[in-house]
Amino acid sequence: MTATPFATSFDARRQKALELLAAAGIRKSNYQPLALTLMWRVGLQVPPPHFASFWGLWAVAGLYFSVVWGLIMWIFVWQPQGLPMLAAGFNATLAGALFGLAMAGYYAFGRKRHQLPAWQSL
C-alpha cells in the first residue's frame, strides 16, 4: 500500500500494524485473512485481528460462525433429522459463542506472545 498525502490515520496505523505483524514472523494468512481484506476493500476500518479488542473479535467471529455454520447444519443435518428450529438456533448460538471465545483468545495470546502494542499507540 502506497502512502498518499491524504492517507488517513487508520491507513497509517494499518500499515504500521502489518509491518509489525510481518516482522514478528506471523504468517500473512493469519494476520490478514481474506474476510479482513474484503472488509478493507469495501471501506470498513477494521484493525487486523491481533490488534482488535477481545470482545469485539469475540462478537464478530462468533456471529459469523453462528450464521454460516448454523445454516449449513440446518440444511444438511438438523432439518432432515427434524430438530426444531429453536433448538437449532440455540445450538448455533452456543457454538458461535464458543468459537468466538476461542478465536479471541487465540489472537489475544498471539498479541501477548509477540509483544504487540495497542492499536491506539500505533
PDB file of N, CA and C in Angstrom:
ATOM      1  N   MET A   1       0.846  -1.172   0.000  1.00  0.00           N
ATOM      2  CA  MET A   1       0.000   0.000   0.000  1.00  0.00           C
ATOM      3  C   MET A   1       0.889   1.232   0.000  1.00  0.00           C
ATOM      4  N   THR A   2       0.669   2.127  -0.931  1.00  0.00           N
ATOM      5  CA  THR A   2       1.475   3.325  -1.000  1.00  0.00           C
ATOM      6  C   THR A   2       0.803   4.433  -0.228  1.00  0.00           C
ATOM      7  N   ALA A   3       1.613   5.234   0.394  1.00  0.00           N
ATOM      8  CA  ALA A   3       1.078   6.347   1.171  1.00  0.00           C
ATOM      9  C   ALA A   3       0.739   7.492   0.235  1.00  0.00           C
ATOM     10  N   THR A   4      -0.359   8.130   0.509  1.00  0.00           N
ATOM     11  CA  THR A   4      -0.764   9.307  -0.252  1.00  0.00           C
ATOM     12  C   THR A   4      -0.777  10.487   0.701  1.00  0.00           C
ATOM     13  N   PRO A   5      -0.757  11.708   0.176  1.00  0.00           N
ATOM     14  CA  PRO A   5      -0.800  12.859   1.068  1.00  0.00           C
ATOM     15  C   PRO A   5      -2.090  12.904   1.895  1.00  0.00           C
ATOM     16  N   PHE A   6      -3.123  12.218   1.423  1.00  0.00           N
ATOM     17  CA  PHE A   6      -4.407  12.250   2.101  1.00  0.00           C
ATOM     18  C   PHE A   6      -4.682  10.974   2.887  1.00  0.00           C
ATOM     19  N   ALA A   7      -3.625  10.208   3.189  1.00  0.00           N
ATOM     20  CA  ALA A   7      -3.800   8.957   3.929  1.00  0.00           C
ATOM     21  C   ALA A   7      -4.391   9.258   5.302  1.00  0.00           C
ATOM     22  N   THR A   8      -5.341   8.445   5.695  1.00  0.00           N
ATOM     23  CA  THR A   8      -5.986   8.640   6.991  1.00  0.00           C
ATOM     24  C   THR A   8      -5.124   8.056   8.092  1.00  0.00           C
ATOM     25  N   SER A   9      -5.455   8.421   9.310  1.00  0.00           N
ATOM     26  CA  SER A   9      -4.717   7.849  10.435  1.00  0.00           C
ATOM     27  C   SER A   9      -4.956   6.344  10.492  1.00  0.00           C
ATOM     28  N   PHE A  10      -6.134   5.881  10.057  1.00  0.00           N
ATOM     29  CA  PHE A  10      -6.379   4.439  10.025  1.00  0.00           C
ATOM     30  C   PHE A  10      -5.427   3.767   9.059  1.00  0.00           C
ATOM     31  N   ASP A  11      -5.254   4.346   7.871  1.00  0.00           N
ATOM     32  CA  ASP A  11      -4.352   3.754   6.880  1.00  0.00           C
ATOM     33  C   ASP A  11      -2.925   3.675   7.420  1.00  0.00           C
ATOM     34  N   ALA A  12      -2.484   4.716   8.109  1.00  0.00           N
ATOM     35  CA  ALA A  12      -1.131   4.724   8.671  1.00  0.00           C
ATOM     36  C   ALA A  12      -1.007   3.667   9.766  1.00  0.00           C
ATOM     37  N   ARG A  13      -2.012   3.570  10.627  1.00  0.00           N
ATOM     38  CA  ARG A  13      -1.990   2.550  11.680  1.00  0.00           C
ATOM     39  C   ARG A  13      -2.000   1.146  11.088  1.00  0.00           C
ATOM     40  N   ARG A  14      -2.859   0.948  10.085  1.00  0.00           N
ATOM     41  CA  ARG A  14      -2.943  -0.369   9.453  1.00  0.00           C
ATOM     42  C   ARG A  14      -1.600  -0.765   8.844  1.00  0.00           C
ATOM     43  N   GLN A  15      -0.952   0.160   8.151  1.00  0.00           N
ATOM     44  CA  GLN A  15       0.339  -0.130   7.533  1.00  0.00           C
ATOM     45  C   GLN A  15       1.385  -0.466   8.587  1.00  0.00           C
ATOM     46  N   LYS A  16       1.420   0.300   9.671  1.00  0.00           N
ATOM     47  CA  LYS A  16       2.378   0.037  10.747  1.00  0.00           C
ATOM     48  C   LYS A  16       2.087  -1.322  11.392  1.00  0.00           C
ATOM     49  N   ALA A  17       0.797  -1.637  11.611  1.00  0.00           N
ATOM     50  CA  ALA A  17       0.419  -2.919  12.202  1.00  0.00           C
ATOM     51  C   ALA A  17       0.846  -4.079  11.310  1.00  0.00           C
ATOM     52  N   LEU A  18       0.629  -3.953  10.016  1.00  0.00           N
ATOM     53  CA  LEU A  18       1.006  -5.020   9.081  1.00  0.00           C
ATOM     54  C   LEU A  18       2.520  -5.216   9.060  1.00  0.00           C
ATOM     55  N   GLU A  19       3.266  -4.133   9.162  1.00  0.00           N
ATOM     56  CA  GLU A  19       4.724  -4.234   9.216  1.00  0.00           C
ATOM     57  C   GLU A  19       5.170  -4.954  10.493  1.00  0.00           C
ATOM     58  N   LEU A  20       4.559  -4.600  11.626  1.00  0.00           N
ATOM     59  CA  LEU A  20       4.899  -5.249  12.891  1.00  0.00           C
ATOM     60  C   LEU A  20       4.561  -6.738  12.867  1.00  0.00           C
ATOM     61  N   LEU A  21       3.413  -7.082  12.307  1.00  0.00           N
ATOM     62  CA  LEU A  21       2.997  -8.478  12.250  1.00  0.00           C
ATOM     63  C   LEU A  21       3.924  -9.293  11.350  1.00  0.00           C
ATOM     64  N   ALA A  22       4.316  -8.719  10.226  1.00  0.00           N
ATOM     65  CA  ALA A  22       5.238  -9.413   9.324  1.00  0.00           C
ATOM     66  C   ALA A  22       6.606  -9.575   9.985  1.00  0.00           C
ATOM     67  N   ALA A  23       7.066  -8.528  10.669  1.00  0.00           N
ATOM     68  CA  ALA A  23       8.365  -8.590  11.341  1.00  0.00           C
ATOM     69  C   ALA A  23       8.362  -9.608  12.481  1.00  0.00           C
ATOM     70  N   ALA A  24       7.201  -9.848  13.083  1.00  0.00           N
ATOM     71  CA  ALA A  24       7.096 -10.823  14.171  1.00  0.00           C
ATOM     72  C   ALA A  24       7.142 -12.261  13.660  1.00  0.00           C
ATOM     73  N   GLY A  25       7.067 -12.427  12.351  1.00  0.00           N
ATOM     74  CA  GLY A  25       7.134 -13.769  11.779  1.00  0.00           C
ATOM     75  C   GLY A  25       5.791 -14.475  11.707  1.00  0.00           C
ATOM     76  N   ILE A  26       4.717 -13.733  11.862  1.00  0.00           N
ATOM     77  CA  ILE A  26       3.374 -14.305  11.777  1.00  0.00           C
ATOM     78  C   ILE A  26       3.010 -14.436  10.306  1.00  0.00           C
ATOM     79  N   ARG A  27       2.406 -15.550   9.931  1.00  0.00           N
ATOM     80  CA  ARG A  27       2.013 -15.748   8.535  1.00  0.00           C
ATOM     81  C   ARG A  27       0.960 -14.712   8.121  1.00  0.00           C
ATOM     82  N   LYS A  28       1.084 -14.254   6.898  1.00  0.00           N
ATOM     83  CA  LYS A  28       0.167 -13.241   6.392  1.00  0.00           C
ATOM     84  C   LYS A  28      -1.275 -13.731   6.414  1.00  0.00           C
ATOM     85  N   SER A  29      -1.505 -14.994   6.114  1.00  0.00           N
ATOM     86  CA  SER A  29      -2.863 -15.524   6.118  1.00  0.00           C
ATOM     87  C   SER A  29      -3.455 -15.530   7.527  1.00  0.00           C
ATOM     88  N   ASN A  30      -2.624 -15.446   8.539  1.00  0.00           N
ATOM     89  CA  ASN A  30      -3.081 -15.413   9.918  1.00  0.00           C
ATOM     90  C   ASN A  30      -3.463 -14.001  10.337  1.00  0.00           C
ATOM     91  N   TYR A  31      -2.669 -13.014   9.948  1.00  0.00           N
ATOM     92  CA  TYR A  31      -2.972 -11.649  10.377  1.00  0.00           C
ATOM     93  C   TYR A  31      -3.770 -10.839   9.353  1.00  0.00           C
ATOM     94  N   GLN A  32      -3.906 -11.350   8.135  1.00  0.00           N
ATOM     95  CA  GLN A  32      -4.697 -10.660   7.121  1.00  0.00           C
ATOM     96  C   GLN A  32      -5.538 -11.675   6.356  1.00  0.00           C
ATOM     97  N   PRO A  33      -6.551 -12.268   7.036  1.00  0.00           N
ATOM     98  CA  PRO A  33      -7.388 -13.257   6.350  1.00  0.00           C
ATOM     99  C   PRO A  33      -8.212 -12.606   5.233  1.00  0.00           C
ATOM    100  N   LEU A  34      -8.702 -13.438   4.346  1.00  0.00           N
ATOM    101  CA  LEU A  34      -9.462 -12.953   3.187  1.00  0.00           C
ATOM    102  C   LEU A  34     -10.645 -12.078   3.597  1.00  0.00           C
ATOM    103  N   ALA A  35     -11.368 -12.473   4.626  1.00  0.00           N
ATOM    104  CA  ALA A  35     -12.526 -11.685   5.064  1.00  0.00           C
ATOM    105  C   ALA A  35     -12.103 -10.271   5.468  1.00  0.00           C
ATOM    106  N   LEU A  36     -10.959 -10.137   6.101  1.00  0.00           N
ATOM    107  CA  LEU A  36     -10.467  -8.819   6.510  1.00  0.00           C
ATOM    108  C   LEU A  36     -10.089  -7.982   5.290  1.00  0.00           C
ATOM    109  N   THR A  37      -9.429  -8.601   4.335  1.00  0.00           N
ATOM    110  CA  THR A  37      -9.069  -7.895   3.103  1.00  0.00           C
ATOM    111  C   THR A  37     -10.322  -7.394   2.387  1.00  0.00           C
ATOM    112  N   LEU A  38     -11.354  -8.222   2.331  1.00  0.00           N
ATOM    113  CA  LEU A  38     -12.607  -7.802   1.698  1.00  0.00           C
ATOM    114  C   LEU A  38     -13.260  -6.645   2.459  1.00  0.00           C
ATOM    115  N   MET A  39     -13.201  -6.682   3.786  1.00  0.00           N
ATOM    116  CA  MET A  39     -13.760  -5.579   4.577  1.00  0.00           C
ATOM    117  C   MET A  39     -13.015  -4.283   4.285  1.00  0.00           C
ATOM    118  N   TRP A  40     -11.692  -4.354   4.160  1.00  0.00           N
ATOM    119  CA  TRP A  40     -10.910  -3.163   3.843  1.00  0.00           C
ATOM    120  C   TRP A  40     -11.253  -2.629   2.462  1.00  0.00           C
ATOM    121  N   ARG A  41     -11.489  -3.535   1.517  1.00  0.00           N
ATOM    122  CA  ARG A  41     -11.800  -3.093   0.145  1.00  0.00           C
ATOM    123  C   ARG A  41     -13.130  -2.371   0.044  1.00  0.00           C
ATOM    124  N   VAL A  42     -14.075  -2.720   0.906  1.00  0.00           N
ATOM    125  CA  VAL A  42     -15.370  -2.024   0.877  1.00  0.00           C
ATOM    126  C   VAL A  42     -15.370  -0.794   1.785  1.00  0.00           C
ATOM    127  N   GLY A  43     -14.220  -0.500   2.395  1.00  0.00           N
ATOM    128  CA  GLY A  43     -14.089   0.734   3.155  1.00  0.00           C
ATOM    129  C   GLY A  43     -14.276   0.627   4.660  1.00  0.00           C
ATOM    130  N   LEU A  44     -14.432  -0.588   5.184  1.00  0.00           N
ATOM    131  CA  LEU A  44     -14.566  -0.734   6.636  1.00  0.00           C
ATOM    132  C   LEU A  44     -13.201  -0.568   7.292  1.00  0.00           C
ATOM    133  N   GLN A  45     -13.155   0.191   8.345  1.00  0.00           N
ATOM    134  CA  GLN A  45     -11.904   0.441   9.048  1.00  0.00           C
ATOM    135  C   GLN A  45     -11.788  -0.503  10.234  1.00  0.00           C
ATOM    136  N   VAL A  46     -11.381  -1.729   9.931  1.00  0.00           N
ATOM    137  CA  VAL A  46     -11.269  -2.793  10.920  1.00  0.00           C
ATOM    138  C   VAL A  46      -9.788  -3.104  11.118  1.00  0.00           C
ATOM    139  N   PRO A  47      -9.313  -3.101  12.366  1.00  0.00           N
ATOM    140  CA  PRO A  47      -7.896  -3.426  12.578  1.00  0.00           C
ATOM    141  C   PRO A  47      -7.626  -4.904  12.345  1.00  0.00           C
ATOM    142  N   PRO A  48      -6.366  -5.263  12.076  1.00  0.00           N
ATOM    143  CA  PRO A  48      -6.018  -6.684  11.979  1.00  0.00           C
ATOM    144  C   PRO A  48      -6.404  -7.396  13.279  1.00  0.00           C
ATOM    145  N   PRO A  49      -6.714  -8.677  13.224  1.00  0.00           N
ATOM    146  CA  PRO A  49      -7.237  -9.362  14.408  1.00  0.00           C
ATOM    147  C   PRO A  49      -6.332  -9.320  15.630  1.00  0.00           C
ATOM    148  N   HIS A  50      -5.015  -9.275  15.448  1.00  0.00           N
ATOM    149  CA  HIS A  50      -4.114  -9.201  16.597  1.00  0.00           C
ATOM    150  C   HIS A  50      -4.246  -7.872  17.334  1.00  0.00           C
ATOM    151  N   PHE A  51      -4.804  -6.867  16.678  1.00  0.00           N
ATOM    152  CA  PHE A  51      -4.950  -5.545  17.280  1.00  0.00           C
ATOM    153  C   PHE A  51      -6.402  -5.223  17.640  1.00  0.00           C
ATOM    154  N   ALA A  52      -7.314  -6.107  17.320  1.00  0.00           N
ATOM    155  CA  ALA A  52      -8.734  -5.884  17.634  1.00  0.00           C
ATOM    156  C   ALA A  52      -8.987  -6.138  19.115  1.00  0.00           C
ATOM    157  N   SER A  53     -10.057  -5.553  19.628  1.00  0.00           N
ATOM    158  CA  SER A  53     -10.397  -5.785  21.030  1.00  0.00           C
ATOM    159  C   SER A  53     -10.885  -7.220  21.213  1.00  0.00           C
ATOM    160  N   PHE A  54     -10.653  -7.760  22.390  1.00  0.00           N
ATOM    161  CA  PHE A  54     -11.032  -9.140  22.687  1.00  0.00           C
ATOM    162  C   PHE A  54     -12.526  -9.338  22.467  1.00  0.00           C
ATOM    163  N   TRP A  55     -13.341  -8.466  23.053  1.00  0.00           N
ATOM    164  CA  TRP A  55     -14.802  -8.648  22.986  1.00  0.00           C
ATOM    165  C   TRP A  55     -15.358  -8.359  21.591  1.00  0.00           C
ATOM    166  N   GLY A  56     -14.751  -7.415  20.891  1.00  0.00           N
ATOM    167  CA  GLY A  56     -15.176  -7.148  19.524  1.00  0.00           C
ATOM    168  C   GLY A  56     -14.884  -8.324  18.613  1.00  0.00           C
ATOM    169  N   LEU A  57     -13.701  -8.898  18.780  1.00  0.00           N
ATOM    170  CA  LEU A  57     -13.324 -10.072  17.995  1.00  0.00           C
ATOM    171  C   LEU A  57     -14.216 -11.260  18.348  1.00  0.00           C
ATOM    172  N   TRP A  58     -14.505 -11.419  19.627  1.00  0.00           N
ATOM    173  CA  TRP A  58     -15.398 -12.493  20.075  1.00  0.00           C
ATOM    174  C   TRP A  58     -16.763 -12.359  19.395  1.00  0.00           C
ATOM    175  N   ALA A  59     -17.307 -11.141  19.389  1.00  0.00           N
ATOM    176  CA  ALA A  59     -18.630 -10.926  18.806  1.00  0.00           C
ATOM    177  C   ALA A  59     -18.640 -11.169  17.302  1.00  0.00           C
ATOM    178  N   VAL A  60     -17.668 -10.645  16.596  1.00  0.00           N
ATOM    179  CA  VAL A  60     -17.639 -10.782  15.135  1.00  0.00           C
ATOM    180  C   VAL A  60     -17.402 -12.235  14.725  1.00  0.00           C
ATOM    181  N   ALA A  61     -16.401 -12.874  15.325  1.00  0.00           N
ATOM    182  CA  ALA A  61     -16.108 -14.264  14.971  1.00  0.00           C
ATOM    183  C   ALA A  61     -17.265 -15.175  15.363  1.00  0.00           C
ATOM    184  N   GLY A  62     -17.839 -14.936  16.538  1.00  0.00           N
ATOM    185  CA  GLY A  62     -18.957 -15.757  16.998  1.00  0.00           C
ATOM    186  C   GLY A  62     -20.189 -15.604  16.137  1.00  0.00           C
ATOM    187  N   LEU A  63     -20.517 -14.377  15.774  1.00  0.00           N
ATOM    188  CA  LEU A  63     -21.693 -14.144  14.931  1.00  0.00           C
ATOM    189  C   LEU A  63     -21.506 -14.769  13.556  1.00  0.00           C
ATOM    190  N   TYR A  64     -20.344 -14.553  12.960  1.00  0.00           N
ATOM    191  CA  TYR A  64     -20.061 -15.124  11.646  1.00  0.00           C
ATOM    192  C   TYR A  64     -20.179 -16.647  11.685  1.00  0.00           C
ATOM    193  N   PHE A  65     -19.543 -17.263  12.672  1.00  0.00           N
ATOM    194  CA  PHE A  65     -19.571 -18.716  12.767  1.00  0.00           C
ATOM    195  C   PHE A  65     -20.990 -19.221  13.020  1.00  0.00           C
ATOM    196  N   SER A  66     -21.718 -18.555  13.904  1.00  0.00           N
ATOM    197  CA  SER A  66     -23.095 -18.968  14.210  1.00  0.00           C
ATOM    198  C   SER A  66     -23.956 -19.017  12.954  1.00  0.00           C
ATOM    199  N   VAL A  67     -23.874 -17.966  12.178  1.00  0.00           N
ATOM    200  CA  VAL A  67     -24.717 -17.866  10.986  1.00  0.00           C
ATOM    201  C   VAL A  67     -24.299 -18.888   9.930  1.00  0.00           C
ATOM    202  N   VAL A  68     -23.022 -18.903   9.573  1.00  0.00           N
ATOM    203  CA  VAL A  68     -22.567 -19.783   8.496  1.00  0.00           C
ATOM    204  C   VAL A  68     -22.693 -21.251   8.892  1.00  0.00           C
ATOM    205  N   TRP A  69     -22.151 -21.608  10.037  1.00  0.00           N
ATOM    206  CA  TRP A  69     -22.195 -22.999  10.482  1.00  0.00           C
ATOM    207  C   TRP A  69     -23.634 -23.427  10.768  1.00  0.00           C
ATOM    208  N   GLY A  70     -24.411 -22.547  11.385  1.00  0.00           N
ATOM    209  CA  GLY A  70     -25.804 -22.866  11.696  1.00  0.00           C
ATOM    210  C   GLY A  70     -26.630 -23.142  10.445  1.00  0.00           C
ATOM    211  N   LEU A  71     -26.446 -22.320   9.402  1.00  0.00           N
ATOM    212  CA  LEU A  71     -27.178 -22.549   8.153  1.00  0.00           C
ATOM    213  C   LEU A  71     -26.776 -23.868   7.495  1.00  0.00           C
ATOM    214  N   ILE A  72     -25.480 -24.130   7.472  1.00  0.00           N
ATOM    215  CA  ILE A  72     -25.019 -25.387   6.876  1.00  0.00           C
ATOM    216  C   ILE A  72     -25.569 -26.585   7.646  1.00  0.00           C
ATOM    217  N   MET A  73     -25.489 -26.513   8.963  1.00  0.00           N
ATOM    218  CA  MET A  73     -26.010 -27.608   9.784  1.00  0.00           C
ATOM    219  C   MET A  73     -27.524 -27.753   9.625  1.00  0.00           C
ATOM    220  N   TRP A  74     -28.236 -26.636   9.538  1.00  0.00           N
ATOM    221  CA  TRP A  74     -29.690 -26.687   9.388  1.00  0.00           C
ATOM    222  C   TRP A  74     -30.076 -27.373   8.078  1.00  0.00           C
ATOM    223  N   ILE A  75     -29.411 -26.994   7.006  1.00  0.00           N
ATOM    224  CA  ILE A  75     -29.745 -27.533   5.688  1.00  0.00           C
ATOM    225  C   ILE A  75     -29.401 -29.017   5.580  1.00  0.00           C
ATOM    226  N   PHE A  76     -28.211 -29.383   6.048  1.00  0.00           N
ATOM    227  CA  PHE A  76     -27.737 -30.746   5.801  1.00  0.00           C
ATOM    228  C   PHE A  76     -27.945 -31.740   6.941  1.00  0.00           C
ATOM    229  N   VAL A  77     -28.160 -31.276   8.164  1.00  0.00           N
ATOM    230  CA  VAL A  77     -28.243 -32.208   9.286  1.00  0.00           C
ATOM    231  C   VAL A  77     -29.522 -32.031  10.093  1.00  0.00           C
ATOM    232  N   TRP A  78     -29.715 -30.856  10.641  1.00  0.00           N
ATOM    233  CA  TRP A  78     -30.783 -30.677  11.620  1.00  0.00           C
ATOM    234  C   TRP A  78     -32.177 -30.749  11.022  1.00  0.00           C
ATOM    235  N   GLN A  79     -32.401 -30.100   9.896  1.00  0.00           N
ATOM    236  CA  GLN A  79     -33.731 -30.153   9.274  1.00  0.00           C
ATOM    237  C   GLN A  79     -34.098 -31.577   8.854  1.00  0.00           C
ATOM    238  N   PRO A  80     -33.192 -32.322   8.181  1.00  0.00           N
ATOM    239  CA  PRO A  80     -33.534 -33.713   7.842  1.00  0.00           C
ATOM    240  C   PRO A  80     -33.797 -34.588   9.071  1.00  0.00           C
ATOM    241  N   GLN A  81     -33.159 -34.257  10.196  1.00  0.00           N
ATOM    242  CA  GLN A  81     -33.389 -35.023  11.417  1.00  0.00           C
ATOM    243  C   GLN A  81     -34.638 -34.576  12.164  1.00  0.00           C
ATOM    244  N   GLY A  82     -35.226 -33.473  11.757  1.00  0.00           N
ATOM    245  CA  GLY A  82     -36.432 -32.972  12.402  1.00  0.00           C
ATOM    246  C   GLY A  82     -36.184 -32.169  13.668  1.00  0.00           C
ATOM    247  N   LEU A  83     -34.988 -31.626  13.837  1.00  0.00           N
ATOM    248  CA  LEU A  83     -34.679 -30.809  15.008  1.00  0.00           C
ATOM    249  C   LEU A  83     -35.475 -29.507  14.940  1.00  0.00           C
ATOM    250  N   PRO A  84     -36.155 -29.133  16.010  1.00  0.00           N
ATOM    251  CA  PRO A  84     -36.906 -27.862  15.998  1.00  0.00           C
ATOM    252  C   PRO A  84     -35.977 -26.673  15.744  1.00  0.00           C
ATOM    253  N   MET A  85     -36.501 -25.668  15.071  1.00  0.00           N
ATOM    254  CA  MET A  85     -35.698 -24.514  14.699  1.00  0.00           C
ATOM    255  C   MET A  85     -35.146 -23.785  15.933  1.00  0.00           C
ATOM    256  N   LEU A  86     -35.916 -23.733  17.003  1.00  0.00           N
ATOM    257  CA  LEU A  86     -35.445 -23.081  18.217  1.00  0.00           C
ATOM    258  C   LEU A  86     -34.215 -23.795  18.785  1.00  0.00           C
ATOM    259  N   ALA A  87     -34.239 -25.119  18.798  1.00  0.00           N
ATOM    260  CA  ALA A  87     -33.095 -25.892  19.281  1.00  0.00           C
ATOM    261  C   ALA A  87     -31.896 -25.711  18.356  1.00  0.00           C
ATOM    262  N   ALA A  88     -32.146 -25.665  17.062  1.00  0.00           N
ATOM    263  CA  ALA A  88     -31.060 -25.453  16.102  1.00  0.00           C
ATOM    264  C   ALA A  88     -30.434 -24.074  16.312  1.00  0.00           C
ATOM    265  N   GLY A  89     -31.267 -23.071  16.525  1.00  0.00           N
ATOM    266  CA  GLY A  89     -30.764 -21.722  16.784  1.00  0.00           C
ATOM    267  C   GLY A  89     -29.938 -21.665  18.056  1.00  0.00           C
ATOM    268  N   PHE A  90     -30.399 -22.358  19.097  1.00  0.00           N
ATOM    269  CA  PHE A  90     -29.645 -22.410  20.347  1.00  0.00           C
ATOM    270  C   PHE A  90     -28.291 -23.082  20.133  1.00  0.00           C
ATOM    271  N   ASN A  91     -28.287 -24.192  19.413  1.00  0.00           N
ATOM    272  CA  ASN A  91     -27.029 -24.905  19.135  1.00  0.00           C
ATOM    273  C   ASN A  91     -26.049 -24.023  18.358  1.00  0.00           C
ATOM    274  N   ALA A  92     -26.557 -23.335  17.338  1.00  0.00           N
ATOM    275  CA  ALA A  92     -25.700 -22.477  16.523  1.00  0.00           C
ATOM    276  C   ALA A  92     -25.165 -21.305  17.345  1.00  0.00           C
ATOM    277  N   THR A  93     -25.997 -20.733  18.195  1.00  0.00           N
ATOM    278  CA  THR A  93     -25.569 -19.611  19.035  1.00  0.00           C
ATOM    279  C   THR A  93     -24.505 -20.048  20.031  1.00  0.00           C
ATOM    280  N   LEU A  94     -24.718 -21.186  20.666  1.00  0.00           N
ATOM    281  CA  LEU A  94     -23.742 -21.703  21.618  1.00  0.00           C
ATOM    282  C   LEU A  94     -22.417 -22.021  20.923  1.00  0.00           C
ATOM    283  N   ALA A  95     -22.494 -22.670  19.775  1.00  0.00           N
ATOM    284  CA  ALA A  95     -21.273 -22.990  19.030  1.00  0.00           C
ATOM    285  C   ALA A  95     -20.552 -21.710  18.608  1.00  0.00           C
ATOM    286  N   GLY A  96     -21.292 -20.719  18.159  1.00  0.00           N
ATOM    287  CA  GLY A  96     -20.691 -19.452  17.755  1.00  0.00           C
ATOM    288  C   GLY A  96     -20.028 -18.737  18.921  1.00  0.00           C
ATOM    289  N   ALA A  97     -20.681 -18.763  20.079  1.00  0.00           N
ATOM    290  CA  ALA A  97     -20.105 -18.120  21.264  1.00  0.00           C
ATOM    291  C   ALA A  97     -18.797 -18.790  21.661  1.00  0.00           C
ATOM    292  N   LEU A  98     -18.771 -20.103  21.612  1.00  0.00           N
ATOM    293  CA  LEU A  98     -17.548 -20.834  21.967  1.00  0.00           C
ATOM    294  C   LEU A  98     -16.451 -20.614  20.925  1.00  0.00           C
ATOM    295  N   PHE A  99     -16.826 -20.627  19.644  1.00  0.00           N
ATOM    296  CA  PHE A  99     -15.843 -20.381  18.590  1.00  0.00           C
ATOM    297  C   PHE A  99     -15.285 -18.966  18.707  1.00  0.00           C
ATOM    298  N   GLY A 100     -16.155 -17.988  18.921  1.00  0.00           N
ATOM    299  CA  GLY A 100     -15.706 -16.602  19.078  1.00  0.00           C
ATOM    300  C   GLY A 100     -14.758 -16.445  20.247  1.00  0.00           C
ATOM    301  N   LEU A 101     -15.063 -17.121  21.348  1.00  0.00           N
ATOM    302  CA  LEU A 101     -14.194 -17.080  22.520  1.00  0.00           C
ATOM    303  C   LEU A 101     -12.831 -17.691  22.210  1.00  0.00           C
ATOM    304  N   ALA A 102     -12.835 -18.804  21.496  1.00  0.00           N
ATOM    305  CA  ALA A 102     -11.572 -19.453  21.130  1.00  0.00           C
ATOM    306  C   ALA A 102     -10.744 -18.564  20.207  1.00  0.00           C
ATOM    307  N   MET A 103     -11.368 -17.940  19.227  1.00  0.00           N
ATOM    308  CA  MET A 103     -10.630 -17.082  18.297  1.00  0.00           C
ATOM    309  C   MET A 103     -10.111 -15.824  18.989  1.00  0.00           C
ATOM    310  N   ALA A 104     -10.931 -15.221  19.825  1.00  0.00           N
ATOM    311  CA  ALA A 104     -10.494 -14.032  20.551  1.00  0.00           C
ATOM    312  C   ALA A 104      -9.322 -14.384  21.468  1.00  0.00           C
ATOM    313  N   GLY A 105      -9.388 -15.530  22.107  1.00  0.00           N
ATOM    314  CA  GLY A 105      -8.295 -15.973  22.961  1.00  0.00           C
ATOM    315  C   GLY A 105      -7.029 -16.256  22.168  1.00  0.00           C
ATOM    316  N   TYR A 106      -7.188 -16.861  21.021  1.00  0.00           N
ATOM    317  CA  TYR A 106      -6.050 -17.168  20.153  1.00  0.00           C
ATOM    318  C   TYR A 106      -5.315 -15.892  19.749  1.00  0.00           C
ATOM    319  N   TYR A 107      -6.059 -14.895  19.304  1.00  0.00           N
ATOM    320  CA  TYR A 107      -5.423 -13.653  18.869  1.00  0.00           C
ATOM    321  C   TYR A 107      -4.882 -12.847  20.046  1.00  0.00           C
ATOM    322  N   ALA A 108      -5.543 -12.891  21.193  1.00  0.00           N
ATOM    323  CA  ALA A 108      -5.023 -12.207  22.387  1.00  0.00           C
ATOM    324  C   ALA A 108      -3.709 -12.853  22.824  1.00  0.00           C
ATOM    325  N   PHE A 109      -3.639 -14.179  22.756  1.00  0.00           N
ATOM    326  CA  PHE A 109      -2.411 -14.892  23.097  1.00  0.00           C
ATOM    327  C   PHE A 109      -1.295 -14.502  22.125  1.00  0.00           C
ATOM    328  N   GLY A 110      -1.609 -14.443  20.835  1.00  0.00           N
ATOM    329  CA  GLY A 110      -0.615 -14.046  19.835  1.00  0.00           C
ATOM    330  C   GLY A 110      -0.133 -12.625  20.044  1.00  0.00           C
ATOM    331  N   ARG A 111      -1.053 -11.734  20.408  1.00  0.00           N
ATOM    332  CA  ARG A 111      -0.693 -10.339  20.666  1.00  0.00           C
ATOM    333  C   ARG A 111       0.296 -10.264  21.842  1.00  0.00           C
ATOM    334  N   LYS A 112       0.005 -11.026  22.897  1.00  0.00           N
ATOM    335  CA  LYS A 112       0.879 -11.015  24.071  1.00  0.00           C
ATOM    336  C   LYS A 112       2.203 -11.715  23.774  1.00  0.00           C
ATOM    337  N   ARG A 113       2.151 -12.837  23.088  1.00  0.00           N
ATOM    338  CA  ARG A 113       3.353 -13.616  22.783  1.00  0.00           C
ATOM    339  C   ARG A 113       4.352 -12.819  21.948  1.00  0.00           C
ATOM    340  N   HIS A 114       3.835 -12.059  20.980  1.00  0.00           N
ATOM    341  CA  HIS A 114       4.703 -11.284  20.096  1.00  0.00           C
ATOM    342  C   HIS A 114       4.908  -9.856  20.590  1.00  0.00           C
ATOM    343  N   GLN A 115       4.393  -9.559  21.786  1.00  0.00           N
ATOM    344  CA  GLN A 115       4.559  -8.246  22.431  1.00  0.00           C
ATOM    345  C   GLN A 115       4.161  -7.094  21.505  1.00  0.00           C
ATOM    346  N   LEU A 116       2.973  -7.227  20.933  1.00  0.00           N
ATOM    347  CA  LEU A 116       2.479  -6.201  20.016  1.00  0.00           C
ATOM    348  C   LEU A 116       1.852  -5.060  20.821  1.00  0.00           C
ATOM    349  N   PRO A 117       2.045  -3.834  20.369  1.00  0.00           N
ATOM    350  CA  PRO A 117       1.474  -2.699  21.091  1.00  0.00           C
ATOM    351  C   PRO A 117      -0.035  -2.597  20.880  1.00  0.00           C
ATOM    352  N   ALA A 118      -0.661  -1.747  21.634  1.00  0.00           N
ATOM    353  CA  ALA A 118      -2.095  -1.495  21.475  1.00  0.00           C
ATOM    354  C   ALA A 118      -2.327  -0.750  20.154  1.00  0.00           C
ATOM    355  N   TRP A 119      -3.501  -0.970  19.570  1.00  0.00           N
ATOM    356  CA  TRP A 119      -3.866  -0.330  18.310  1.00  0.00           C
ATOM    357  C   TRP A 119      -3.781   1.198  18.428  1.00  0.00           C
ATOM    358  N   GLN A 120      -4.219   1.735  19.539  1.00  0.00           N
ATOM    359  CA  GLN A 120      -4.244   3.187  19.736  1.00  0.00           C
ATOM    360  C   GLN A 120      -2.837   3.801  19.760  1.00  0.00           C
ATOM    361  N   SER A 121      -1.832   2.992  20.110  1.00  0.00           N
ATOM    362  CA  SER A 121      -0.466   3.540  20.203  1.00  0.00           C
ATOM    363  C   SER A 121       0.261   3.526  18.862  1.00  0.00           C
ATOM    364  N   LEU A 122      -0.327   2.974  17.837  1.00  0.00           N
ATOM    365  CA  LEU A 122       0.339   2.941  16.519  1.00  0.00           C
ATOM    366  C   LEU A 122       0.238   4.280  15.840  1.00  0.00           C
TER     367      LEU A 122
END
